[in-house]
Amino acid sequence: MQAKITVTETWLRKHRYLYDGATRHPFIRSIRDGNIDISAFKTWLGQDYIFVRAFVPFVASILTKAYKGSDDGNGDVEVILGGVAALHDEISWFKKEAFKWGVQLSSIVPQKANQEYCRFLESLISPEVEYTVAAVAFWAIETIYQESFAHCLEDDSKTPPELKETCQRWGNESFGEYCNSLRNIVDRQLEKASDDVVTKAEATLLRVLEHEVDFWNMSHGRT
């Protein structure tokens, strides 16, 4: 018997061109092909550190929304709480990497693409934003990184040894399983959501894809 196609699968098929643009961006391909300009990597490192700090209150707000808007029996709170806890290690990792690469985090100024992405996250923190809509953004952001960096770990990749740890941080199987857990949460919520909420959630996915491409462009020295 053929399995039912989920809403997220429908979206990913429908928006494949945009999704591939986010997960197979020239910045990512340059890492995978071993020809990345290290200055571009350093730009990404500093800008993403700023983004992750803005990501923390966003994820915390989703935890609150999950507590109020999910079925306890599905374990949404526990899954999202794991994501909150992991962000502490992630920020520590950025600081360690910045020291290794000589990036002064205290002097980093957020670029336009980063500012706009952080403002988008802040807009989703509002209590008026439905749990389902915010959860879609969370799943998409995490999954784009997982698929992007996993691409750099494939057998035929030429990723520089000094960047393997970076790729492993998000491209590993365990993080992939976590992203699948988020996707399951999203699909459960979408299954019971109103048409209006589903429409807003899909629009949110598209906004994330656009912001991710802009962020990669910024890191890659493109506008």
N, C-alpha and C. Protein backbone atom coordinates (compact mmCIF):
# COMPACT_ATOMS: atom_id res chain seq x y z
N MET A 1 0.85 -1.19 0.00
CA MET A 1 0.00 0.00 0.00
C MET A 1 0.90 1.24 0.00
N GLN A 2 0.61 2.18 -0.87
CA GLN A 2 1.45 3.35 -1.02
C GLN A 2 1.26 4.31 0.15
N ALA A 3 2.38 4.78 0.72
CA ALA A 3 2.31 5.69 1.85
C ALA A 3 1.77 7.04 1.40
N LYS A 4 1.05 7.67 2.31
CA LYS A 4 0.49 8.99 2.02
C LYS A 4 1.60 10.02 1.92
N ILE A 5 1.51 10.88 0.94
CA ILE A 5 2.51 11.94 0.78
C ILE A 5 2.21 13.05 1.78
N THR A 6 3.19 13.38 2.60
CA THR A 6 3.01 14.39 3.63
C THR A 6 3.01 15.79 3.02
N VAL A 7 2.58 16.75 3.83
CA VAL A 7 2.57 18.14 3.37
C VAL A 7 3.99 18.62 3.08
N THR A 8 4.92 18.28 3.97
CA THR A 8 6.30 18.75 3.74
C THR A 8 6.89 18.14 2.48
N GLU A 9 6.57 16.89 2.20
CA GLU A 9 7.06 16.27 0.97
C GLU A 9 6.46 16.96 -0.25
N THR A 10 5.20 17.29 -0.17
CA THR A 10 4.54 18.02 -1.26
C THR A 10 5.23 19.36 -1.49
N TRP A 11 5.52 20.06 -0.41
CA TRP A 11 6.20 21.35 -0.52
C TRP A 11 7.59 21.22 -1.14
N LEU A 12 8.35 20.22 -0.67
CA LEU A 12 9.71 20.05 -1.17
C LEU A 12 9.73 19.69 -2.65
N ARG A 13 8.75 18.96 -3.09
CA ARG A 13 8.64 18.66 -4.53
C ARG A 13 8.24 19.92 -5.30
N LYS A 14 7.30 20.64 -4.76
CA LYS A 14 6.78 21.84 -5.42
C LYS A 14 7.83 22.94 -5.53
N HIS A 15 8.65 23.06 -4.49
CA HIS A 15 9.64 24.14 -4.42
C HIS A 15 11.07 23.60 -4.54
N ARG A 16 11.25 22.54 -5.28
CA ARG A 16 12.55 21.87 -5.38
C ARG A 16 13.64 22.82 -5.88
N TYR A 17 13.31 23.65 -6.84
CA TYR A 17 14.32 24.56 -7.39
C TYR A 17 14.85 25.50 -6.30
N LEU A 18 13.96 26.08 -5.51
CA LEU A 18 14.37 26.97 -4.42
C LEU A 18 15.11 26.20 -3.34
N TYR A 19 14.63 25.00 -3.05
CA TYR A 19 15.25 24.19 -2.00
C TYR A 19 16.68 23.80 -2.39
N ASP A 20 16.84 23.40 -3.64
CA ASP A 20 18.18 23.06 -4.11
C ASP A 20 19.09 24.28 -4.10
N GLY A 21 18.50 25.44 -4.37
CA GLY A 21 19.30 26.66 -4.32
C GLY A 21 19.85 26.95 -2.94
N ALA A 22 19.12 26.52 -1.92
CA ALA A 22 19.56 26.72 -0.54
C ALA A 22 20.52 25.63 -0.07
N THR A 23 20.31 24.41 -0.51
CA THR A 23 21.13 23.28 -0.01
C THR A 23 22.30 22.91 -0.91
N ARG A 24 22.31 23.46 -2.14
CA ARG A 24 23.41 23.19 -3.07
C ARG A 24 23.97 24.51 -3.61
N HIS A 25 24.02 25.47 -2.73
CA HIS A 25 24.49 26.81 -3.09
C HIS A 25 25.98 26.78 -3.48
N PRO A 26 26.42 27.70 -4.35
CA PRO A 26 27.84 27.75 -4.72
C PRO A 26 28.79 27.82 -3.52
N PHE A 27 28.37 28.44 -2.43
CA PHE A 27 29.21 28.47 -1.23
C PHE A 27 29.43 27.05 -0.71
N ILE A 28 28.36 26.28 -0.63
CA ILE A 28 28.46 24.89 -0.17
C ILE A 28 29.25 24.05 -1.17
N ARG A 29 28.97 24.25 -2.45
CA ARG A 29 29.69 23.48 -3.47
C ARG A 29 31.18 23.79 -3.45
N SER A 30 31.54 25.03 -3.11
CA SER A 30 32.96 25.37 -3.06
C SER A 30 33.67 24.65 -1.92
N ILE A 31 32.95 24.41 -0.82
CA ILE A 31 33.52 23.61 0.27
C ILE A 31 33.67 22.17 -0.21
N ARG A 32 32.60 21.64 -0.81
CA ARG A 32 32.59 20.25 -1.26
C ARG A 32 33.66 19.98 -2.32
N ASP A 33 33.88 20.97 -3.19
CA ASP A 33 34.85 20.80 -4.27
C ASP A 33 36.27 21.14 -3.86
N GLY A 34 36.44 21.65 -2.64
CA GLY A 34 37.78 21.93 -2.12
C GLY A 34 38.40 23.20 -2.63
N ASN A 35 37.60 24.10 -3.19
CA ASN A 35 38.17 25.34 -3.71
C ASN A 35 37.61 26.59 -3.04
N ILE A 36 37.12 26.44 -1.84
CA ILE A 36 36.54 27.58 -1.13
C ILE A 36 37.62 28.61 -0.78
N ASP A 37 37.26 29.86 -0.90
CA ASP A 37 38.11 30.96 -0.44
C ASP A 37 37.95 31.03 1.08
N ILE A 38 39.03 30.84 1.81
CA ILE A 38 38.95 30.80 3.27
C ILE A 38 38.41 32.11 3.84
N SER A 39 38.62 33.21 3.15
CA SER A 39 38.06 34.47 3.64
C SER A 39 36.53 34.41 3.63
N ALA A 40 35.96 33.70 2.65
CA ALA A 40 34.51 33.52 2.59
C ALA A 40 34.04 32.67 3.77
N PHE A 41 34.81 31.63 4.09
CA PHE A 41 34.47 30.79 5.24
C PHE A 41 34.50 31.61 6.53
N LYS A 42 35.50 32.47 6.67
CA LYS A 42 35.61 33.30 7.87
C LYS A 42 34.45 34.28 7.96
N THR A 43 34.02 34.80 6.81
CA THR A 43 32.85 35.68 6.80
C THR A 43 31.64 34.93 7.30
N TRP A 44 31.43 33.74 6.75
CA TRP A 44 30.30 32.91 7.19
C TRP A 44 30.38 32.64 8.69
N LEU A 45 31.56 32.30 9.19
CA LEU A 45 31.73 31.94 10.59
C LEU A 45 31.30 33.09 11.51
N GLY A 46 31.78 34.29 11.22
CA GLY A 46 31.45 35.43 12.06
C GLY A 46 29.98 35.81 11.97
N GLN A 47 29.44 35.80 10.75
CA GLN A 47 28.04 36.17 10.58
C GLN A 47 27.10 35.11 11.17
N ASP A 48 27.46 33.85 11.03
CA ASP A 48 26.59 32.80 11.57
C ASP A 48 26.60 32.78 13.08
N TYR A 49 27.70 33.19 13.68
CA TYR A 49 27.75 33.31 15.15
C TYR A 49 26.69 34.31 15.61
N ILE A 50 26.60 35.45 14.92
CA ILE A 50 25.59 36.45 15.26
C ILE A 50 24.19 35.87 15.07
N PHE A 51 24.02 35.14 13.96
CA PHE A 51 22.71 34.56 13.67
C PHE A 51 22.30 33.56 14.75
N VAL A 52 23.23 32.71 15.16
CA VAL A 52 22.91 31.68 16.16
C VAL A 52 22.48 32.32 17.47
N ARG A 53 23.10 33.41 17.83
CA ARG A 53 22.70 34.09 19.06
C ARG A 53 21.26 34.61 18.95
N ALA A 54 20.86 35.04 17.77
CA ALA A 54 19.47 35.46 17.54
C ALA A 54 18.54 34.26 17.45
N PHE A 55 19.10 33.12 17.07
CA PHE A 55 18.33 31.89 16.92
C PHE A 55 17.88 31.35 18.28
N VAL A 56 18.66 31.63 19.33
CA VAL A 56 18.36 31.10 20.67
C VAL A 56 16.99 31.55 21.17
N PRO A 57 16.69 32.85 21.23
CA PRO A 57 15.35 33.24 21.71
C PRO A 57 14.23 32.75 20.79
N PHE A 58 14.52 32.61 19.49
CA PHE A 58 13.52 32.07 18.57
C PHE A 58 13.16 30.63 18.95
N VAL A 59 14.18 29.80 19.16
CA VAL A 59 13.92 28.40 19.52
C VAL A 59 13.25 28.31 20.89
N ALA A 60 13.66 29.18 21.81
CA ALA A 60 13.03 29.20 23.13
C ALA A 60 11.54 29.53 23.01
N SER A 61 11.20 30.42 22.09
CA SER A 61 9.79 30.77 21.90
C SER A 61 9.00 29.59 21.33
N ILE A 62 9.65 28.80 20.49
CA ILE A 62 8.97 27.61 19.95
C ILE A 62 8.72 26.60 21.06
N LEU A 63 9.65 26.51 21.99
CA LEU A 63 9.46 25.62 23.13
C LEU A 63 8.20 26.02 23.90
N THR A 64 8.02 27.32 24.09
CA THR A 64 6.81 27.81 24.77
C THR A 64 5.56 27.51 23.95
N LYS A 65 5.65 27.73 22.63
CA LYS A 65 4.50 27.44 21.77
C LYS A 65 4.16 25.95 21.78
N ALA A 66 5.20 25.10 21.81
CA ALA A 66 4.97 23.65 21.82
C ALA A 66 4.28 23.23 23.12
N TYR A 67 4.70 23.84 24.21
CA TYR A 67 4.10 23.52 25.52
C TYR A 67 2.61 23.84 25.52
N LYS A 68 2.26 24.94 24.85
CA LYS A 68 0.86 25.39 24.84
C LYS A 68 0.04 24.76 23.72
N GLY A 69 0.72 24.39 22.61
CA GLY A 69 -0.05 24.03 21.43
C GLY A 69 0.12 22.63 20.89
N SER A 70 0.86 21.77 21.61
CA SER A 70 1.06 20.42 21.10
C SER A 70 0.44 19.37 22.03
N ASP A 71 0.30 18.18 21.50
CA ASP A 71 -0.18 17.05 22.29
C ASP A 71 1.00 16.45 23.05
N ASP A 72 0.93 16.45 24.37
CA ASP A 72 2.04 15.95 25.19
C ASP A 72 2.49 14.56 24.78
N GLY A 73 1.56 13.75 24.31
CA GLY A 73 1.89 12.37 23.98
C GLY A 73 2.84 12.23 22.81
N ASN A 74 3.01 13.28 22.01
CA ASN A 74 3.89 13.20 20.85
C ASN A 74 5.33 13.59 21.15
N GLY A 75 5.58 14.15 22.33
CA GLY A 75 6.96 14.45 22.72
C GLY A 75 7.57 15.66 22.05
N ASP A 76 6.75 16.57 21.55
CA ASP A 76 7.29 17.76 20.87
C ASP A 76 8.22 18.54 21.78
N VAL A 77 7.79 18.76 23.02
CA VAL A 77 8.57 19.57 23.96
C VAL A 77 9.96 18.98 24.16
N GLU A 78 10.03 17.67 24.31
CA GLU A 78 11.32 17.02 24.54
C GLU A 78 12.24 17.18 23.34
N VAL A 79 11.70 17.02 22.14
CA VAL A 79 12.51 17.17 20.93
C VAL A 79 13.07 18.59 20.83
N ILE A 80 12.21 19.57 21.02
CA ILE A 80 12.63 20.96 20.89
C ILE A 80 13.56 21.36 22.02
N LEU A 81 13.32 20.83 23.21
CA LEU A 81 14.21 21.10 24.34
C LEU A 81 15.62 20.61 24.04
N GLY A 82 15.73 19.49 23.35
CA GLY A 82 17.04 18.99 22.94
C GLY A 82 17.75 19.97 22.03
N GLY A 83 16.97 20.62 21.15
CA GLY A 83 17.55 21.63 20.26
C GLY A 83 18.03 22.84 21.02
N VAL A 84 17.27 23.26 22.03
CA VAL A 84 17.68 24.40 22.86
C VAL A 84 18.99 24.08 23.57
N ALA A 85 19.08 22.90 24.15
CA ALA A 85 20.29 22.51 24.88
C ALA A 85 21.51 22.47 23.97
N ALA A 86 21.32 22.01 22.73
CA ALA A 86 22.44 21.88 21.79
C ALA A 86 23.00 23.24 21.38
N LEU A 87 22.20 24.29 21.49
CA LEU A 87 22.66 25.61 21.08
C LEU A 87 23.77 26.14 21.98
N HIS A 88 23.80 25.70 23.23
CA HIS A 88 24.89 26.11 24.13
C HIS A 88 26.22 25.60 23.58
N ASP A 89 26.25 24.33 23.21
CA ASP A 89 27.47 23.75 22.64
C ASP A 89 27.81 24.41 21.30
N GLU A 90 26.79 24.77 20.54
CA GLU A 90 27.02 25.37 19.23
C GLU A 90 27.70 26.74 19.36
N ILE A 91 27.23 27.53 20.30
CA ILE A 91 27.85 28.84 20.51
C ILE A 91 29.29 28.68 20.98
N SER A 92 29.54 27.72 21.86
CA SER A 92 30.91 27.45 22.31
C SER A 92 31.79 27.03 21.14
N TRP A 93 31.22 26.23 20.24
CA TRP A 93 31.97 25.78 19.06
C TRP A 93 32.34 26.96 18.18
N PHE A 94 31.42 27.87 17.96
CA PHE A 94 31.72 29.05 17.15
C PHE A 94 32.86 29.86 17.76
N LYS A 95 32.84 30.01 19.06
CA LYS A 95 33.91 30.77 19.72
C LYS A 95 35.26 30.08 19.55
N LYS A 96 35.26 28.77 19.67
CA LYS A 96 36.50 28.00 19.50
C LYS A 96 37.02 28.11 18.07
N GLU A 97 36.12 27.96 17.10
CA GLU A 97 36.50 28.05 15.70
C GLU A 97 36.99 29.46 15.35
N ALA A 98 36.33 30.45 15.89
CA ALA A 98 36.74 31.83 15.62
C ALA A 98 38.15 32.08 16.11
N PHE A 99 38.47 31.56 17.28
CA PHE A 99 39.83 31.71 17.82
C PHE A 99 40.83 31.01 16.90
N LYS A 100 40.47 29.81 16.43
CA LYS A 100 41.36 29.04 15.56
C LYS A 100 41.65 29.77 14.25
N TRP A 101 40.63 30.43 13.71
CA TRP A 101 40.77 31.09 12.42
C TRP A 101 41.11 32.58 12.53
N GLY A 102 41.28 33.06 13.76
CA GLY A 102 41.64 34.46 13.94
C GLY A 102 40.52 35.43 13.63
N VAL A 103 39.28 34.99 13.87
CA VAL A 103 38.11 35.85 13.65
C VAL A 103 37.73 36.51 14.97
N GLN A 104 37.74 37.83 15.01
CA GLN A 104 37.40 38.57 16.22
C GLN A 104 35.88 38.76 16.30
N LEU A 105 35.21 37.91 17.05
CA LEU A 105 33.76 37.95 17.09
C LEU A 105 33.23 39.26 17.66
N SER A 106 33.96 39.85 18.57
CA SER A 106 33.49 41.08 19.21
C SER A 106 33.43 42.25 18.23
N SER A 107 34.14 42.14 17.12
CA SER A 107 34.16 43.25 16.17
C SER A 107 33.32 42.98 14.91
N ILE A 108 32.62 41.84 14.90
CA ILE A 108 31.80 41.50 13.74
C ILE A 108 30.55 42.38 13.70
N VAL A 109 30.30 42.98 12.56
CA VAL A 109 29.09 43.78 12.35
C VAL A 109 28.15 42.98 11.45
N PRO A 110 26.92 42.77 11.86
CA PRO A 110 26.01 41.98 11.02
C PRO A 110 25.76 42.66 9.68
N GLN A 111 25.90 41.91 8.61
CA GLN A 111 25.63 42.43 7.28
C GLN A 111 24.12 42.44 7.02
N LYS A 112 23.73 43.12 5.93
CA LYS A 112 22.31 43.34 5.65
C LYS A 112 21.51 42.04 5.61
N ALA A 113 22.03 41.03 4.91
CA ALA A 113 21.30 39.76 4.80
C ALA A 113 21.10 39.12 6.17
N ASN A 114 22.08 39.25 7.03
CA ASN A 114 22.00 38.70 8.37
C ASN A 114 20.99 39.48 9.20
N GLN A 115 21.03 40.80 9.12
CA GLN A 115 20.09 41.63 9.86
C GLN A 115 18.65 41.30 9.48
N GLU A 116 18.42 41.13 8.18
CA GLU A 116 17.06 40.84 7.72
C GLU A 116 16.60 39.46 8.16
N TYR A 117 17.52 38.50 8.16
CA TYR A 117 17.17 37.14 8.62
C TYR A 117 16.85 37.15 10.11
N CYS A 118 17.65 37.87 10.89
CA CYS A 118 17.41 37.95 12.33
C CYS A 118 16.09 38.66 12.64
N ARG A 119 15.76 39.68 11.85
CA ARG A 119 14.48 40.36 12.04
C ARG A 119 13.32 39.42 11.71
N PHE A 120 13.51 38.58 10.71
CA PHE A 120 12.49 37.59 10.37
C PHE A 120 12.27 36.63 11.53
N LEU A 121 13.36 36.15 12.13
CA LEU A 121 13.24 35.26 13.30
C LEU A 121 12.49 35.96 14.42
N GLU A 122 12.84 37.21 14.65
CA GLU A 122 12.20 37.96 15.74
C GLU A 122 10.70 38.10 15.50
N SER A 123 10.30 38.24 14.24
CA SER A 123 8.88 38.37 13.93
C SER A 123 8.11 37.09 14.26
N LEU A 124 8.80 35.95 14.22
CA LEU A 124 8.14 34.67 14.50
C LEU A 124 8.01 34.38 15.99
N ILE A 125 8.69 35.18 16.81
CA ILE A 125 8.62 35.00 18.26
C ILE A 125 7.28 35.45 18.82
N SER A 126 6.63 36.35 18.12
CA SER A 126 5.36 36.92 18.58
C SER A 126 4.36 35.83 18.97
N PRO A 127 3.65 36.00 20.10
CA PRO A 127 2.65 35.01 20.53
C PRO A 127 1.54 34.81 19.49
N GLU A 128 1.36 35.81 18.61
CA GLU A 128 0.31 35.70 17.59
C GLU A 128 0.68 34.70 16.48
N VAL A 129 1.96 34.39 16.37
CA VAL A 129 2.41 33.43 15.34
C VAL A 129 2.13 32.02 15.83
N GLU A 130 1.40 31.27 15.03
CA GLU A 130 0.99 29.91 15.42
C GLU A 130 2.20 28.99 15.58
N TYR A 131 2.08 28.04 16.49
CA TYR A 131 3.12 27.04 16.72
C TYR A 131 3.50 26.34 15.42
N THR A 132 2.51 25.97 14.62
CA THR A 132 2.78 25.27 13.36
C THR A 132 3.65 26.09 12.43
N VAL A 133 3.36 27.37 12.31
CA VAL A 133 4.11 28.26 11.41
C VAL A 133 5.55 28.40 11.88
N ALA A 134 5.74 28.65 13.18
CA ALA A 134 7.09 28.79 13.72
C ALA A 134 7.87 27.49 13.61
N ALA A 135 7.18 26.36 13.83
CA ALA A 135 7.85 25.06 13.76
C ALA A 135 8.34 24.77 12.35
N VAL A 136 7.60 25.21 11.34
CA VAL A 136 8.03 25.02 9.95
C VAL A 136 9.35 25.75 9.72
N ALA A 137 9.46 26.97 10.22
CA ALA A 137 10.70 27.73 10.06
C ALA A 137 11.85 27.02 10.76
N PHE A 138 11.61 26.54 11.96
CA PHE A 138 12.64 25.83 12.73
C PHE A 138 13.13 24.59 11.98
N TRP A 139 12.18 23.78 11.54
CA TRP A 139 12.54 22.56 10.79
C TRP A 139 13.33 22.91 9.54
N ALA A 140 12.87 23.90 8.79
CA ALA A 140 13.53 24.25 7.53
C ALA A 140 14.95 24.75 7.76
N ILE A 141 15.14 25.61 8.73
CA ILE A 141 16.47 26.17 9.01
C ILE A 141 17.45 25.06 9.38
N GLU A 142 17.04 24.18 10.26
CA GLU A 142 17.92 23.10 10.69
C GLU A 142 18.20 22.12 9.54
N THR A 143 17.17 21.80 8.78
CA THR A 143 17.30 20.81 7.71
C THR A 143 18.18 21.32 6.57
N ILE A 144 18.07 22.58 6.25
CA ILE A 144 18.90 23.15 5.18
C ILE A 144 20.37 23.02 5.54
N TYR A 145 20.72 23.29 6.80
CA TYR A 145 22.12 23.12 7.21
C TYR A 145 22.52 21.66 7.19
N GLN A 146 21.64 20.79 7.64
CA GLN A 146 21.98 19.37 7.67
C GLN A 146 22.25 18.84 6.26
N GLU A 147 21.37 19.16 5.33
CA GLU A 147 21.53 18.65 3.97
C GLU A 147 22.71 19.32 3.26
N SER A 148 22.92 20.59 3.53
CA SER A 148 24.03 21.31 2.90
C SER A 148 25.37 20.72 3.32
N PHE A 149 25.58 20.59 4.60
CA PHE A 149 26.89 20.12 5.08
C PHE A 149 27.06 18.61 4.93
N ALA A 150 25.96 17.86 4.92
CA ALA A 150 26.06 16.43 4.63
C ALA A 150 26.56 16.23 3.20
N HIS A 151 26.17 17.13 2.30
CA HIS A 151 26.63 17.08 0.92
C HIS A 151 28.16 17.18 0.83
N CYS A 152 28.73 17.90 1.78
CA CYS A 152 30.19 18.08 1.81
C CYS A 152 30.92 16.90 2.42
N LEU A 153 30.17 15.92 2.92
CA LEU A 153 30.79 14.75 3.55
C LEU A 153 30.63 13.49 2.71
N GLU A 154 30.02 13.62 1.53
CA GLU A 154 29.81 12.44 0.68
C GLU A 154 31.15 11.90 0.18
N ASP A 155 31.13 10.64 -0.20
CA ASP A 155 32.37 9.93 -0.52
C ASP A 155 33.21 10.61 -1.60
N ASP A 156 32.56 11.23 -2.57
CA ASP A 156 33.31 11.83 -3.67
C ASP A 156 33.64 13.31 -3.44
N SER A 157 33.40 13.80 -2.22
CA SER A 157 33.67 15.21 -1.94
C SER A 157 35.17 15.43 -1.75
N LYS A 158 35.59 16.67 -1.96
CA LYS A 158 36.99 17.07 -1.78
C LYS A 158 37.10 18.14 -0.70
N THR A 159 36.22 18.05 0.27
CA THR A 159 36.20 19.02 1.36
C THR A 159 37.56 19.09 2.05
N PRO A 160 38.12 20.31 2.21
CA PRO A 160 39.43 20.43 2.88
C PRO A 160 39.38 19.83 4.28
N PRO A 161 40.45 19.13 4.69
CA PRO A 161 40.47 18.50 6.01
C PRO A 161 40.16 19.47 7.14
N GLU A 162 40.62 20.71 7.01
CA GLU A 162 40.42 21.68 8.08
C GLU A 162 38.97 22.15 8.20
N LEU A 163 38.12 21.78 7.23
CA LEU A 163 36.71 22.15 7.30
C LEU A 163 35.80 20.94 7.56
N LYS A 164 36.41 19.78 7.67
CA LYS A 164 35.61 18.56 7.90
C LYS A 164 34.82 18.64 9.21
N GLU A 165 35.44 19.19 10.26
CA GLU A 165 34.75 19.27 11.55
C GLU A 165 33.50 20.15 11.43
N THR A 166 33.64 21.25 10.70
CA THR A 166 32.48 22.12 10.49
C THR A 166 31.36 21.36 9.80
N CYS A 167 31.69 20.65 8.75
CA CYS A 167 30.67 19.90 8.01
C CYS A 167 30.07 18.79 8.86
N GLN A 168 30.90 18.15 9.67
CA GLN A 168 30.43 17.07 10.52
C GLN A 168 29.45 17.57 11.58
N ARG A 169 29.63 18.79 12.03
CA ARG A 169 28.77 19.35 13.09
C ARG A 169 27.31 19.31 12.68
N TRP A 170 27.02 19.67 11.44
CA TRP A 170 25.63 19.68 10.97
C TRP A 170 25.31 18.54 10.01
N GLY A 171 26.31 17.96 9.40
CA GLY A 171 26.06 16.95 8.37
C GLY A 171 26.00 15.53 8.89
N ASN A 172 26.16 15.34 10.20
CA ASN A 172 26.20 13.98 10.74
C ASN A 172 24.81 13.34 10.80
N GLU A 173 24.79 12.03 10.91
CA GLU A 173 23.52 11.28 10.88
C GLU A 173 22.64 11.59 12.07
N SER A 174 23.24 11.82 13.22
CA SER A 174 22.46 12.11 14.43
C SER A 174 21.68 13.41 14.27
N PHE A 175 22.33 14.42 13.69
CA PHE A 175 21.63 15.68 13.46
C PHE A 175 20.54 15.48 12.40
N GLY A 176 20.81 14.60 11.44
CA GLY A 176 19.80 14.29 10.45
C GLY A 176 18.57 13.65 11.07
N GLU A 177 18.77 12.77 12.05
CA GLU A 177 17.64 12.15 12.74
C GLU A 177 16.85 13.19 13.53
N TYR A 178 17.57 14.14 14.12
CA TYR A 178 16.90 15.22 14.84
C TYR A 178 16.04 16.04 13.89
N CYS A 179 16.57 16.34 12.71
CA CYS A 179 15.80 17.09 11.71
C CYS A 179 14.56 16.31 11.27
N ASN A 180 14.68 15.01 11.17
CA ASN A 180 13.52 14.18 10.83
C ASN A 180 12.46 14.23 11.93
N SER A 181 12.93 14.31 13.19
CA SER A 181 11.98 14.43 14.31
C SER A 181 11.22 15.75 14.21
N LEU A 182 11.94 16.81 13.84
CA LEU A 182 11.28 18.11 13.66
C LEU A 182 10.28 18.05 12.51
N ARG A 183 10.66 17.36 11.46
CA ARG A 183 9.77 17.23 10.31
C ARG A 183 8.50 16.46 10.68
N ASN A 184 8.64 15.44 11.50
CA ASN A 184 7.47 14.69 11.95
C ASN A 184 6.53 15.58 12.76
N ILE A 185 7.12 16.44 13.60
CA ILE A 185 6.31 17.39 14.37
C ILE A 185 5.54 18.30 13.42
N VAL A 186 6.25 18.84 12.44
CA VAL A 186 5.63 19.76 11.49
C VAL A 186 4.49 19.07 10.72
N ASP A 187 4.73 17.86 10.25
CA ASP A 187 3.69 17.18 9.48
C ASP A 187 2.47 16.85 10.33
N ARG A 188 2.68 16.50 11.59
CA ARG A 188 1.54 16.25 12.48
C ARG A 188 0.73 17.52 12.67
N GLN A 189 1.42 18.63 12.87
CA GLN A 189 0.73 19.90 13.07
C GLN A 189 -0.01 20.34 11.81
N LEU A 190 0.63 20.17 10.66
CA LEU A 190 0.00 20.59 9.40
C LEU A 190 -1.23 19.75 9.08
N GLU A 191 -1.19 18.50 9.48
CA GLU A 191 -2.30 17.58 9.20
C GLU A 191 -3.60 18.07 9.83
N LYS A 192 -3.49 18.72 10.97
CA LYS A 192 -4.69 19.17 11.67
C LYS A 192 -4.89 20.69 11.61
N ALA A 193 -4.02 21.37 10.87
CA ALA A 193 -4.10 22.83 10.80
C ALA A 193 -5.18 23.29 9.82
N SER A 194 -5.64 24.50 10.01
CA SER A 194 -6.60 25.10 9.08
C SER A 194 -5.91 25.45 7.78
N ASP A 195 -6.69 25.66 6.75
CA ASP A 195 -6.12 26.04 5.45
C ASP A 195 -5.33 27.34 5.56
N ASP A 196 -5.81 28.26 6.37
CA ASP A 196 -5.12 29.54 6.56
C ASP A 196 -3.75 29.35 7.16
N VAL A 197 -3.66 28.50 8.17
CA VAL A 197 -2.37 28.24 8.82
C VAL A 197 -1.42 27.51 7.87
N VAL A 198 -1.93 26.57 7.11
CA VAL A 198 -1.09 25.86 6.14
C VAL A 198 -0.55 26.83 5.10
N THR A 199 -1.36 27.74 4.65
CA THR A 199 -0.91 28.74 3.68
C THR A 199 0.18 29.61 4.27
N LYS A 200 0.00 30.06 5.51
CA LYS A 200 1.02 30.88 6.17
C LYS A 200 2.30 30.08 6.40
N ALA A 201 2.14 28.81 6.72
CA ALA A 201 3.31 27.96 6.97
C ALA A 201 4.13 27.77 5.70
N GLU A 202 3.45 27.57 4.58
CA GLU A 202 4.16 27.41 3.31
C GLU A 202 4.89 28.70 2.93
N ALA A 203 4.24 29.82 3.15
CA ALA A 203 4.88 31.12 2.88
C ALA A 203 6.12 31.30 3.76
N THR A 204 6.04 30.81 4.98
CA THR A 204 7.18 30.89 5.90
C THR A 204 8.34 30.04 5.42
N LEU A 205 8.04 28.85 4.90
CA LEU A 205 9.08 28.02 4.32
C LEU A 205 9.79 28.75 3.18
N LEU A 206 9.03 29.39 2.32
CA LEU A 206 9.63 30.11 1.20
C LEU A 206 10.49 31.27 1.69
N ARG A 207 10.06 31.94 2.74
CA ARG A 207 10.86 33.03 3.30
C ARG A 207 12.19 32.50 3.84
N VAL A 208 12.15 31.35 4.49
CA VAL A 208 13.38 30.75 5.01
C VAL A 208 14.33 30.42 3.86
N LEU A 209 13.81 29.82 2.82
CA LEU A 209 14.65 29.47 1.66
C LEU A 209 15.30 30.71 1.07
N GLU A 210 14.54 31.77 0.95
CA GLU A 210 15.08 33.02 0.40
C GLU A 210 16.17 33.60 1.31
N HIS A 211 15.91 33.59 2.61
CA HIS A 211 16.90 34.12 3.56
C HIS A 211 18.17 33.27 3.57
N GLU A 212 18.01 31.96 3.46
CA GLU A 212 19.19 31.08 3.45
C GLU A 212 20.06 31.36 2.23
N VAL A 213 19.44 31.51 1.08
CA VAL A 213 20.20 31.81 -0.13
C VAL A 213 20.91 33.16 0.02
N ASP A 214 20.21 34.14 0.55
CA ASP A 214 20.83 35.45 0.76
C ASP A 214 22.00 35.36 1.73
N PHE A 215 21.86 34.53 2.74
CA PHE A 215 22.94 34.36 3.73
C PHE A 215 24.16 33.71 3.09
N TRP A 216 23.94 32.67 2.30
CA TRP A 216 25.05 32.04 1.58
C TRP A 216 25.69 33.04 0.61
N ASN A 217 24.83 33.81 -0.09
CA ASN A 217 25.36 34.82 -1.02
C ASN A 217 26.27 35.81 -0.29
N MET A 218 25.82 36.26 0.86
CA MET A 218 26.61 37.19 1.67
C MET A 218 27.96 36.58 2.01
N SER A 219 27.95 35.34 2.42
CA SER A 219 29.20 34.66 2.81
C SER A 219 30.12 34.45 1.61
N HIS A 220 29.49 34.27 0.46
CA HIS A 220 30.23 33.97 -0.77
C HIS A 220 30.66 35.23 -1.50
N GLY A 221 30.33 36.39 -0.90
CA GLY A 221 30.72 37.66 -1.52
C GLY A 221 29.86 38.07 -2.67
N ARG A 222 28.60 37.55 -2.68
CA ARG A 222 27.65 37.88 -3.74
C ARG A 222 26.50 38.67 -3.14
N THR A 223 25.85 39.46 -3.96
CA THR A 223 24.69 40.22 -3.49
C THR A 223 23.47 39.89 -4.34
